[in-house]
Structure formats: structure tokens, C-alpha cells
Full PDB file with SEQRES, HELIX, SHEET, SSBOND, CRYST1, ORIGX, SCALE, CONECT and MASTER records, all heavy atoms in Angstrom:
SEQRES   1 A   44  GLY ARG GLY PRO LEU PRO THR ALA ALA GLY ALA ALA LEU          
SEQRES   2 A   44  ARG VAL MET ALA SER ALA PRO LEU HIS GLY GLY GLU LEU          
SEQRES   3 A   44  PRO GLY MET VAL ASP GLN GLU LEU ALA ASP LEU ILE ARG          
SEQRES   4 A   44  PRO GLY LEU PRO PRO                                          
HELIX    1 AA1 PRO A    4  GLY A   10  1                                   7    
HELIX    2 AA2 LEU A   21  GLY A   24  5                                   4    
HELIX    3 AA3 LEU A   26  MET A   29  1                                   4    
HELIX    4 AA4 GLN A   32  ILE A   38  1                                   7    
CRYST1    1.000    1.000    1.000  90.00  90.00  90.00 P 1           1          
ORIGX1      1.000000  0.000000  0.000000        0.00000                         
ORIGX2      0.000000  1.000000  0.000000        0.00000                         
ORIGX3      0.000000  0.000000  1.000000        0.00000                         
SCALE1      1.000000  0.000000  0.000000        0.00000                         
SCALE2      0.000000  1.000000  0.000000        0.00000                         
SCALE3      0.000000  0.000000  1.000000        0.00000                         
ATOM      1  N   GLY A   1     129.073  97.996  85.474  1.00  0.00           N  
ATOM      2  CA  GLY A   1     129.339  99.350  85.081  1.00  0.00           C  
ATOM      3  C   GLY A   1     130.498  99.592  84.097  1.00  0.00           C  
ATOM      4  O   GLY A   1     130.992 100.684  83.939  1.00  0.00           O  
ATOM      5  N   ARG A   2     130.876  98.530  83.434  1.00  0.00           N  
ATOM      6  CA  ARG A   2     132.018  98.627  82.471  1.00  0.00           C  
ATOM      7  C   ARG A   2     131.545  98.317  81.073  1.00  0.00           C  
ATOM      8  O   ARG A   2     130.439  97.840  80.889  1.00  0.00           O  
ATOM      9  CB  ARG A   2     133.123  97.673  82.841  1.00  0.00           C  
ATOM     10  CG  ARG A   2     133.719  97.825  84.236  1.00  0.00           C  
ATOM     11  CD  ARG A   2     134.711  96.716  84.615  1.00  0.00           C  
ATOM     12  NE  ARG A   2     134.131  95.421  84.642  1.00  0.00           N  
ATOM     13  CZ  ARG A   2     134.484  94.395  83.874  1.00  0.00           C  
ATOM     14  NH1 ARG A   2     135.424  94.536  82.977  1.00  0.00           N  
ATOM     15  NH2 ARG A   2     133.848  93.238  83.971  1.00  0.00           N  
ATOM     16  N   GLY A   3     132.401  98.530  80.112  1.00  0.00           N  
ATOM     17  CA  GLY A   3     132.132  98.107  78.745  1.00  0.00           C  
ATOM     18  C   GLY A   3     131.372  99.109  77.901  1.00  0.00           C  
ATOM     19  O   GLY A   3     131.139 100.276  78.326  1.00  0.00           O  
ATOM     20  N   PRO A   4     130.996  98.734  76.715  1.00  0.00           N  
ATOM     21  CA  PRO A   4     130.412  99.677  75.749  1.00  0.00           C  
ATOM     22  C   PRO A   4     129.007 100.153  76.044  1.00  0.00           C  
ATOM     23  O   PRO A   4     128.574 101.262  75.678  1.00  0.00           O  
ATOM     24  CB  PRO A   4     130.420  98.894  74.419  1.00  0.00           C  
ATOM     25  CG  PRO A   4     130.428  97.471  74.861  1.00  0.00           C  
ATOM     26  CD  PRO A   4     131.230  97.421  76.173  1.00  0.00           C  
ATOM     27  N   LEU A   5     128.168  99.365  76.724  1.00  0.00           N  
ATOM     28  CA  LEU A   5     126.786  99.771  77.014  1.00  0.00           C  
ATOM     29  C   LEU A   5     126.741 100.943  77.962  1.00  0.00           C  
ATOM     30  O   LEU A   5     126.087 102.009  77.629  1.00  0.00           O  
ATOM     31  CB  LEU A   5     125.973  98.561  77.522  1.00  0.00           C  
ATOM     32  CG  LEU A   5     125.787  97.438  76.573  1.00  0.00           C  
ATOM     33  CD1 LEU A   5     125.025  96.293  77.227  1.00  0.00           C  
ATOM     34  CD2 LEU A   5     125.071  97.872  75.305  1.00  0.00           C  
ATOM     35  N   PRO A   6     127.380 100.975  79.127  1.00  0.00           N  
ATOM     36  CA  PRO A   6     127.359 102.123  79.940  1.00  0.00           C  
ATOM     37  C   PRO A   6     128.058 103.338  79.314  1.00  0.00           C  
ATOM     38  O   PRO A   6     127.643 104.473  79.510  1.00  0.00           O  
ATOM     39  CB  PRO A   6     128.115 101.725  81.260  1.00  0.00           C  
ATOM     40  CG  PRO A   6     128.051 100.244  81.273  1.00  0.00           C  
ATOM     41  CD  PRO A   6     128.033  99.850  79.786  1.00  0.00           C  
ATOM     42  N   THR A   7     129.107 103.072  78.561  1.00  0.00           N  
ATOM     43  CA  THR A   7     129.832 104.172  77.860  1.00  0.00           C  
ATOM     44  C   THR A   7     128.900 104.810  76.850  1.00  0.00           C  
ATOM     45  O   THR A   7     128.808 106.057  76.805  1.00  0.00           O  
ATOM     46  CB  THR A   7     131.111 103.638  77.163  1.00  0.00           C  
ATOM     47  OG1 THR A   7     131.920 103.040  78.161  1.00  0.00           O  
ATOM     48  CG2 THR A   7     131.830 104.728  76.435  1.00  0.00           C  
ATOM     49  N   ALA A   8     128.187 104.038  76.091  1.00  0.00           N  
ATOM     50  CA  ALA A   8     127.240 104.567  75.104  1.00  0.00           C  
ATOM     51  C   ALA A   8     126.104 105.346  75.799  1.00  0.00           C  
ATOM     52  O   ALA A   8     125.722 106.427  75.400  1.00  0.00           O  
ATOM     53  CB  ALA A   8     126.638 103.450  74.246  1.00  0.00           C  
ATOM     54  N   ALA A   9     125.602 104.792  76.921  1.00  0.00           N  
ATOM     55  CA  ALA A   9     124.553 105.503  77.614  1.00  0.00           C  
ATOM     56  C   ALA A   9     125.019 106.802  78.195  1.00  0.00           C  
ATOM     57  O   ALA A   9     124.300 107.792  78.147  1.00  0.00           O  
ATOM     58  CB  ALA A   9     124.030 104.567  78.729  1.00  0.00           C  
ATOM     59  N   GLY A  10     126.260 106.882  78.606  1.00  0.00           N  
ATOM     60  CA  GLY A  10     126.838 108.084  79.191  1.00  0.00           C  
ATOM     61  C   GLY A  10     127.004 109.125  78.065  1.00  0.00           C  
ATOM     62  O   GLY A  10     127.004 110.352  78.389  1.00  0.00           O  
ATOM     63  N   ALA A  11     127.145 108.689  76.833  1.00  0.00           N  
ATOM     64  CA  ALA A  11     127.300 109.622  75.710  1.00  0.00           C  
ATOM     65  C   ALA A  11     126.018 109.871  75.024  1.00  0.00           C  
ATOM     66  O   ALA A  11     125.944 110.493  73.954  1.00  0.00           O  
ATOM     67  CB  ALA A  11     128.270 109.059  74.681  1.00  0.00           C  
ATOM     68  N   ALA A  12     124.861 109.483  75.635  1.00  0.00           N  
ATOM     69  CA  ALA A  12     123.502 109.643  75.100  1.00  0.00           C  
ATOM     70  C   ALA A  12     123.380 108.971  73.737  1.00  0.00           C  
ATOM     71  O   ALA A  12     122.616 109.426  72.874  1.00  0.00           O  
ATOM     72  CB  ALA A  12     123.180 111.096  74.988  1.00  0.00           C  
ATOM     73  N   LEU A  13     124.045 107.831  73.586  1.00  0.00           N  
ATOM     74  CA  LEU A  13     123.898 107.058  72.349  1.00  0.00           C  
ATOM     75  C   LEU A  13     122.976 105.892  72.539  1.00  0.00           C  
ATOM     76  O   LEU A  13     122.926 105.319  73.660  1.00  0.00           O  
ATOM     77  CB  LEU A  13     125.291 106.523  71.871  1.00  0.00           C  
ATOM     78  CG  LEU A  13     126.332 107.550  71.560  1.00  0.00           C  
ATOM     79  CD1 LEU A  13     127.613 106.892  71.268  1.00  0.00           C  
ATOM     80  CD2 LEU A  13     125.856 108.331  70.307  1.00  0.00           C  
ATOM     81  N   ARG A  14     122.251 105.480  71.573  1.00  0.00           N  
ATOM     82  CA  ARG A  14     121.333 104.330  71.647  1.00  0.00           C  
ATOM     83  C   ARG A  14     122.076 103.144  71.049  1.00  0.00           C  
ATOM     84  O   ARG A  14     122.620 103.242  69.935  1.00  0.00           O  
ATOM     85  CB  ARG A  14     120.041 104.604  70.919  1.00  0.00           C  
ATOM     86  CG  ARG A  14     119.100 103.445  71.028  1.00  0.00           C  
ATOM     87  CD  ARG A  14     117.797 103.777  70.329  1.00  0.00           C  
ATOM     88  NE  ARG A  14     117.057 104.633  71.229  1.00  0.00           N  
ATOM     89  CZ  ARG A  14     115.839 105.116  70.970  1.00  0.00           C  
ATOM     90  NH1 ARG A  14     115.223 104.820  69.803  1.00  0.00           N  
ATOM     91  NH2 ARG A  14     115.254 105.881  71.841  1.00  0.00           N  
ATOM     92  N   VAL A  15     122.088 102.004  71.726  1.00  0.00           N  
ATOM     93  CA  VAL A  15     122.721 100.830  71.245  1.00  0.00           C  
ATOM     94  C   VAL A  15     121.718  99.896  70.657  1.00  0.00           C  
ATOM     95  O   VAL A  15     120.707  99.590  71.315  1.00  0.00           O  
ATOM     96  CB  VAL A  15     123.495 100.136  72.400  1.00  0.00           C  
ATOM     97  CG1 VAL A  15     124.138  98.828  71.941  1.00  0.00           C  
ATOM     98  CG2 VAL A  15     124.584 101.025  72.969  1.00  0.00           C  
ATOM     99  N   MET A  16     121.947  99.362  69.496  1.00  0.00           N  
ATOM    100  CA  MET A  16     121.066  98.406  68.784  1.00  0.00           C  
ATOM    101  C   MET A  16     121.855  97.140  68.665  1.00  0.00           C  
ATOM    102  O   MET A  16     123.051  97.162  68.298  1.00  0.00           O  
ATOM    103  CB  MET A  16     120.657  98.934  67.429  1.00  0.00           C  
ATOM    104  CG  MET A  16     119.982 100.310  67.499  1.00  0.00           C  
ATOM    105  SD  MET A  16     118.392 100.292  68.235  1.00  0.00           S  
ATOM    106  CE  MET A  16     117.445  99.568  66.995  1.00  0.00           C  
ATOM    107  N   ALA A  17     121.178  95.998  68.885  1.00  0.00           N  
ATOM    108  CA  ALA A  17     121.843  94.695  68.733  1.00  0.00           C  
ATOM    109  C   ALA A  17     120.904  93.742  68.068  1.00  0.00           C  
ATOM    110  O   ALA A  17     119.657  93.862  68.161  1.00  0.00           O  
ATOM    111  CB  ALA A  17     122.309  94.206  70.016  1.00  0.00           C  
ATOM    112  N   SER A  18     121.461  92.741  67.399  1.00  0.00           N  
ATOM    113  CA  SER A  18     120.633  91.757  66.777  1.00  0.00           C  
ATOM    114  C   SER A  18     121.146  90.362  67.157  1.00  0.00           C  
ATOM    115  O   SER A  18     122.302  90.062  66.824  1.00  0.00           O  
ATOM    116  CB  SER A  18     120.566  91.889  65.291  1.00  0.00           C  
ATOM    117  OG  SER A  18     119.854  90.897  64.676  1.00  0.00           O  
ATOM    118  N   ALA A  19     120.388  89.618  67.885  1.00  0.00           N  
ATOM    119  CA  ALA A  19     120.784  88.257  68.351  1.00  0.00           C  
ATOM    120  C   ALA A  19     119.519  87.518  68.764  1.00  0.00           C  
ATOM    121  O   ALA A  19     118.546  88.146  69.151  1.00  0.00           O  
ATOM    122  CB  ALA A  19     121.786  88.326  69.430  1.00  0.00           C  
ATOM    123  N   PRO A  20     119.581  86.179  68.840  1.00  0.00           N  
ATOM    124  CA  PRO A  20     118.391  85.447  69.226  1.00  0.00           C  
ATOM    125  C   PRO A  20     118.176  85.370  70.743  1.00  0.00           C  
ATOM    126  O   PRO A  20     117.829  84.356  71.332  1.00  0.00           O  
ATOM    127  CB  PRO A  20     118.631  84.066  68.613  1.00  0.00           C  
ATOM    128  CG  PRO A  20     120.117  83.935  68.614  1.00  0.00           C  
ATOM    129  CD  PRO A  20     120.655  85.364  68.313  1.00  0.00           C  
ATOM    130  N   LEU A  21     118.482  86.477  71.468  1.00  0.00           N  
ATOM    131  CA  LEU A  21     118.248  86.558  72.901  1.00  0.00           C  
ATOM    132  C   LEU A  21     118.918  85.430  73.730  1.00  0.00           C  
ATOM    133  O   LEU A  21     118.395  84.992  74.703  1.00  0.00           O  
ATOM    134  CB  LEU A  21     116.747  86.609  73.230  1.00  0.00           C  
ATOM    135  CG  LEU A  21     116.023  87.786  72.625  1.00  0.00           C  
ATOM    136  CD1 LEU A  21     114.539  87.772  73.045  1.00  0.00           C  
ATOM    137  CD2 LEU A  21     116.642  89.141  73.072  1.00  0.00           C  
ATOM    138  N   HIS A  22     120.063  84.982  73.247  1.00  0.00           N  
ATOM    139  CA  HIS A  22     120.879  84.007  73.936  1.00  0.00           C  
ATOM    140  C   HIS A  22     120.001  82.758  74.320  1.00  0.00           C  
ATOM    141  O   HIS A  22     119.955  82.329  75.456  1.00  0.00           O  
ATOM    142  CB  HIS A  22     121.599  84.571  75.169  1.00  0.00           C  
ATOM    143  CG  HIS A  22     122.641  83.743  75.714  1.00  0.00           C  
ATOM    144  ND1 HIS A  22     123.051  82.523  75.211  1.00  0.00           N  
ATOM    145  CD2 HIS A  22     123.428  84.010  76.827  1.00  0.00           C  
ATOM    146  CE1 HIS A  22     124.068  82.073  75.977  1.00  0.00           C  
ATOM    147  NE2 HIS A  22     124.303  82.906  76.919  1.00  0.00           N  
ATOM    148  N   GLY A  23     119.336  82.232  73.350  1.00  0.00           N  
ATOM    149  CA  GLY A  23     118.511  81.049  73.558  1.00  0.00           C  
ATOM    150  C   GLY A  23     117.364  81.252  74.515  1.00  0.00           C  
ATOM    151  O   GLY A  23     116.966  80.322  75.188  1.00  0.00           O  
ATOM    152  N   GLY A  24     116.851  82.448  74.606  1.00  0.00           N  
ATOM    153  CA  GLY A  24     115.736  82.679  75.513  1.00  0.00           C  
ATOM    154  C   GLY A  24     116.167  83.030  76.922  1.00  0.00           C  
ATOM    155  O   GLY A  24     115.283  83.322  77.804  1.00  0.00           O  
ATOM    156  N   GLU A  25     117.431  83.034  77.228  1.00  0.00           N  
ATOM    157  CA  GLU A  25     117.893  83.297  78.569  1.00  0.00           C  
ATOM    158  C   GLU A  25     118.147  84.764  78.861  1.00  0.00           C  
ATOM    159  O   GLU A  25     118.107  85.190  80.002  1.00  0.00           O  
ATOM    160  CB  GLU A  25     119.255  82.561  78.779  1.00  0.00           C  
ATOM    161  CG  GLU A  25     119.167  81.053  78.731  1.00  0.00           C  
ATOM    162  CD  GLU A  25     120.526  80.366  78.890  1.00  0.00           C  
ATOM    163  OE1 GLU A  25     121.469  81.023  79.363  1.00  0.00           O  
ATOM    164  OE2 GLU A  25     120.589  79.179  78.482  1.00  0.00           O  
ATOM    165  N   LEU A  26     118.310  85.595  77.817  1.00  0.00           N  
ATOM    166  CA  LEU A  26     118.675  87.002  78.044  1.00  0.00           C  
ATOM    167  C   LEU A  26     117.608  87.787  78.881  1.00  0.00           C  
ATOM    168  O   LEU A  26     118.008  88.447  79.792  1.00  0.00           O  
ATOM    169  CB  LEU A  26     118.899  87.650  76.696  1.00  0.00           C  
ATOM    170  CG  LEU A  26     119.401  89.164  76.756  1.00  0.00           C  
ATOM    171  CD1 LEU A  26     120.697  89.196  77.519  1.00  0.00           C  
ATOM    172  CD2 LEU A  26     119.573  89.682  75.389  1.00  0.00           C  
ATOM    173  N   PRO A  27     116.319  87.631  78.614  1.00  0.00           N  
ATOM    174  CA  PRO A  27     115.369  88.434  79.435  1.00  0.00           C  
ATOM    175  C   PRO A  27     115.535  88.142  80.937  1.00  0.00           C  
ATOM    176  O   PRO A  27     115.393  89.078  81.753  1.00  0.00           O  
ATOM    177  CB  PRO A  27     114.030  87.966  78.919  1.00  0.00           C  
ATOM    178  CG  PRO A  27     114.248  87.594  77.503  1.00  0.00           C  
ATOM    179  CD  PRO A  27     115.609  86.910  77.546  1.00  0.00           C  
ATOM    180  N   GLY A  28     115.831  86.963  81.331  1.00  0.00           N  
ATOM    181  CA  GLY A  28     115.995  86.670  82.747  1.00  0.00           C  
ATOM    182  C   GLY A  28     117.272  87.144  83.347  1.00  0.00           C  
ATOM    183  O   GLY A  28     117.452  87.267  84.539  1.00  0.00           O  
ATOM    184  N   MET A  29     118.248  87.525  82.443  1.00  0.00           N  
ATOM    185  CA  MET A  29     119.559  87.958  82.909  1.00  0.00           C  
ATOM    186  C   MET A  29     119.589  89.499  83.087  1.00  0.00           C  
ATOM    187  O   MET A  29     120.477  90.024  83.737  1.00  0.00           O  
ATOM    188  CB  MET A  29     120.581  87.614  81.885  1.00  0.00           C  
ATOM    189  CG  MET A  29     120.781  86.073  81.738  1.00  0.00           C  
ATOM    190  SD  MET A  29     121.820  85.654  80.332  1.00  0.00           S  
ATOM    191  CE  MET A  29     123.375  86.392  80.798  1.00  0.00           C  
ATOM    192  N   VAL A  30     118.631  90.243  82.585  1.00  0.00           N  
ATOM    193  CA  VAL A  30     118.579  91.617  82.624  1.00  0.00           C  
ATOM    194  C   VAL A  30     117.855  92.100  83.902  1.00  0.00           C  
ATOM    195  O   VAL A  30     116.674  91.890  84.060  1.00  0.00           O  
ATOM    196  CB  VAL A  30     117.858  92.286  81.391  1.00  0.00           C  
ATOM    197  CG1 VAL A  30     117.791  93.788  81.479  1.00  0.00           C  
ATOM    198  CG2 VAL A  30     118.564  91.862  80.109  1.00  0.00           C  
ATOM    199  N   ASP A  31     118.583  92.719  84.786  1.00  0.00           N  
ATOM    200  CA  ASP A  31     118.018  93.257  86.038  1.00  0.00           C  
ATOM    201  C   ASP A  31     117.632  94.709  85.782  1.00  0.00           C  
ATOM    202  O   ASP A  31     117.874  95.252  84.724  1.00  0.00           O  
ATOM    203  CB  ASP A  31     118.907  93.053  87.271  1.00  0.00           C  
ATOM    204  CG  ASP A  31     120.207  93.890  87.145  1.00  0.00           C  
ATOM    205  OD1 ASP A  31     120.411  94.689  86.255  1.00  0.00           O  
ATOM    206  OD2 ASP A  31     121.067  93.655  88.020  1.00  0.00           O  
ATOM    207  N   GLN A  32     117.017  95.315  86.748  1.00  0.00           N  
ATOM    208  CA  GLN A  32     116.542  96.690  86.647  1.00  0.00           C  
ATOM    209  C   GLN A  32     117.690  97.648  86.338  1.00  0.00           C  
ATOM    210  O   GLN A  32     117.503  98.589  85.532  1.00  0.00           O  
ATOM    211  CB  GLN A  32     115.744  97.191  87.828  1.00  0.00           C  
ATOM    212  CG  GLN A  32     115.048  98.494  87.650  1.00  0.00           C  
ATOM    213  CD  GLN A  32     113.952  98.358  86.578  1.00  0.00           C  
ATOM    214  OE1 GLN A  32     113.143  97.475  86.564  1.00  0.00           O  
ATOM    215  NE2 GLN A  32     113.971  99.277  85.616  1.00  0.00           N  
ATOM    216  N   GLU A  33     118.824  97.514  86.971  1.00  0.00           N  
ATOM    217  CA  GLU A  33     119.938  98.418  86.808  1.00  0.00           C  
ATOM    218  C   GLU A  33     120.396  98.394  85.354  1.00  0.00           C  
ATOM    219  O   GLU A  33     120.626  99.455  84.743  1.00  0.00           O  
ATOM    220  CB  GLU A  33     121.059  98.081  87.760  1.00  0.00           C  
ATOM    221  CG  GLU A  33     122.240  99.017  87.666  1.00  0.00           C  
ATOM    222  CD  GLU A  33     123.342  98.676  88.613  1.00  0.00           C  
ATOM    223  OE1 GLU A  33     123.237  97.679  89.424  1.00  0.00           O  
ATOM    224  OE2 GLU A  33     124.375  99.351  88.573  1.00  0.00           O  
ATOM    225  N   LEU A  34     120.589  97.119  84.815  1.00  0.00           N  
ATOM    226  CA  LEU A  34     121.045  97.035  83.453  1.00  0.00           C  
ATOM    227  C   LEU A  34     119.963  97.529  82.515  1.00  0.00           C  
ATOM    228  O   LEU A  34     120.202  98.237  81.492  1.00  0.00           O  
ATOM    229  CB  LEU A  34     121.398  95.610  83.081  1.00  0.00           C  
ATOM    230  CG  LEU A  34     121.814  95.308  81.677  1.00  0.00           C  
ATOM    231  CD1 LEU A  34     122.986  96.187  81.279  1.00  0.00           C  
ATOM    232  CD2 LEU A  34     122.112  93.847  81.441  1.00  0.00           C  
ATOM    233  N   ALA A  35     118.712  97.248  82.817  1.00  0.00           N  
ATOM    234  CA  ALA A  35     117.593  97.702  81.990  1.00  0.00           C  
ATOM    235  C   ALA A  35     117.588  99.227  81.937  1.00  0.00           C  
ATOM    236  O   ALA A  35     117.356  99.841  80.847  1.00  0.00           O  
ATOM    237  CB  ALA A  35     116.292  97.192  82.504  1.00  0.00           C  
ATOM    238  N   ASP A  36     117.878  99.887  83.014  1.00  0.00           N  
ATOM    239  CA  ASP A  36     117.912 101.353  83.038  1.00  0.00           C  
ATOM    240  C   ASP A  36     119.049 101.910  82.172  1.00  0.00           C  
ATOM    241  O   ASP A  36     118.931 103.021  81.598  1.00  0.00           O  
ATOM    242  CB  ASP A  36     118.029 101.939  84.432  1.00  0.00           C  
ATOM    243  CG  ASP A  36     116.698 101.768  85.192  1.00  0.00           C  
ATOM    244  OD1 ASP A  36     115.632 101.680  84.578  1.00  0.00           O  
ATOM    245  OD2 ASP A  36     116.773 101.760  86.458  1.00  0.00           O  
ATOM    246  N   LEU A  37     120.128 101.158  82.060  1.00  0.00           N  
ATOM    247  CA  LEU A  37     121.202 101.599  81.177  1.00  0.00           C  
ATOM    248  C   LEU A  37     120.764 101.455  79.716  1.00  0.00           C  
ATOM    249  O   LEU A  37     121.211 102.261  78.874  1.00  0.00           O  
ATOM    250  CB  LEU A  37     122.492 100.730  81.424  1.00  0.00           C  
ATOM    251  CG  LEU A  37     123.263 100.972  82.696  1.00  0.00           C  
ATOM    252  CD1 LEU A  37     124.346  99.918  82.786  1.00  0.00           C  
ATOM    253  CD2 LEU A  37     123.869 102.336  82.605  1.00  0.00           C  
ATOM    254  N   ILE A  38     120.006 100.434  79.387  1.00  0.00           N  
ATOM    255  CA  ILE A  38     119.575 100.241  78.065  1.00  0.00           C  
ATOM    256  C   ILE A  38     118.503 101.243  77.611  1.00  0.00           C  
ATOM    257  O   ILE A  38     118.641 101.820  76.624  1.00  0.00           O  
ATOM    258  CB  ILE A  38     119.030  98.788  77.910  1.00  0.00           C  
ATOM    259  CG1 ILE A  38     120.182  97.772  78.158  1.00  0.00           C  
ATOM    260  CG2 ILE A  38     118.484  98.547  76.455  1.00  0.00           C  
ATOM    261  CD1 ILE A  38     119.710  96.369  78.327  1.00  0.00           C  
ATOM    262  N   ARG A  39     117.450 101.334  78.473  1.00  0.00           N  
ATOM    263  CA  ARG A  39     116.415 102.314  78.114  1.00  0.00           C  
ATOM    264  C   ARG A  39     115.595 102.594  79.392  1.00  0.00           C  
ATOM    265  O   ARG A  39     114.744 101.807  79.756  1.00  0.00           O  
ATOM    266  CB  ARG A  39     115.557 101.796  77.053  1.00  0.00           C  
ATOM    267  CG  ARG A  39     114.512 102.825  76.562  1.00  0.00           C  
ATOM    268  CD  ARG A  39     113.852 102.367  75.301  1.00  0.00           C  
ATOM    269  NE  ARG A  39     112.859 103.350  74.927  1.00  0.00           N  
ATOM    270  CZ  ARG A  39     111.854 103.079  74.107  1.00  0.00           C  
ATOM    271  NH1 ARG A  39     111.751 101.927  73.594  1.00  0.00           N  
ATOM    272  NH2 ARG A  39     111.027 104.001  73.833  1.00  0.00           N  
ATOM    273  N   PRO A  40     115.869 103.711  80.043  1.00  0.00           N  
ATOM    274  CA  PRO A  40     115.186 104.067  81.304  1.00  0.00           C  
ATOM    275  C   PRO A  40     113.690 104.073  81.083  1.00  0.00           C  
ATOM    276  O   PRO A  40     113.140 104.528  80.056  1.00  0.00           O  
ATOM    277  CB  PRO A  40     115.704 105.418  81.607  1.00  0.00           C  
ATOM    278  CG  PRO A  40     117.039 105.500  80.954  1.00  0.00           C  
ATOM    279  CD  PRO A  40     116.885 104.684  79.680  1.00  0.00           C  
ATOM    280  N   GLY A  41     112.938 103.581  82.094  1.00  0.00           N  
ATOM    281  CA  GLY A  41     111.489 103.679  82.092  1.00  0.00           C  
ATOM    282  C   GLY A  41     110.753 102.474  81.665  1.00  0.00           C  
ATOM    283  O   GLY A  41     109.553 102.411  81.839  1.00  0.00           O  
ATOM    284  N   LEU A  42     111.429 101.471  81.077  1.00  0.00           N  
ATOM    285  CA  LEU A  42     110.797 100.260  80.677  1.00  0.00           C  
ATOM    286  C   LEU A  42     111.131  99.131  81.611  1.00  0.00           C  
ATOM    287  O   LEU A  42     112.283  99.077  82.162  1.00  0.00           O  
ATOM    288  CB  LEU A  42     111.178  99.838  79.238  1.00  0.00           C  
ATOM    289  CG  LEU A  42     110.690 100.721  78.134  1.00  0.00           C  
ATOM    290  CD1 LEU A  42     111.122 100.177  76.778  1.00  0.00           C  
ATOM    291  CD2 LEU A  42     109.139 100.763  78.100  1.00  0.00           C  
ATOM    292  N   PRO A  43     110.279  98.175  81.784  1.00  0.00           N  
ATOM    293  CA  PRO A  43     110.616  96.993  82.664  1.00  0.00           C  
ATOM    294  C   PRO A  43     111.734  96.157  81.950  1.00  0.00           C  
ATOM    295  O   PRO A  43     111.851  96.140  80.704  1.00  0.00           O  
ATOM    296  CB  PRO A  43     109.305  96.245  82.769  1.00  0.00           C  
ATOM    297  CG  PRO A  43     108.501  96.677  81.644  1.00  0.00           C  
ATOM    298  CD  PRO A  43     108.929  98.076  81.305  1.00  0.00           C  
ATOM    299  N   PRO A  44     112.481  95.424  82.719  1.00  0.00           N  
ATOM    300  CA  PRO A  44     113.653  94.642  82.188  1.00  0.00           C  
ATOM    301  C   PRO A  44     113.247  93.748  81.048  1.00  0.00           C  
ATOM    302  O   PRO A  44     113.970  93.641  80.031  1.00  0.00           O  
ATOM    303  CB  PRO A  44     114.131  93.853  83.407  1.00  0.00           C  
ATOM    304  CG  PRO A  44     113.760  94.706  84.594  1.00  0.00           C  
ATOM    305  CD  PRO A  44     112.433  95.313  84.197  1.00  0.00           C  
TER     306      PRO A  44                                                      
MASTER        0    0    0    4    0    0    0    6  305    1    0    4          
END                                                                             
């Protein structure tokens, strides 16, 4: 619950990033709670 992603979500801002998904590991690291911070309604 810290850092720029929850802060941006709280301000109704959309965060865009560009990276190679941390070598394919990123999708497995995103749980439902973090996914809801990124964009509610979509699966992680």
C-alpha cells in the first residue's frame, strides 16, 4: 500500500509503464489486490 502506484490510483491517475515484464516473472507476481490498484475489474 505504499509508493507511487497506490498514490496515483487514489488520485484517479492511470499509470503507464514500459518494460519487458521482468523476464516473464511479473505476471506471476501480481496478486488480485495489486491488480485492482492497477485496473479494477481485470484478472491479474
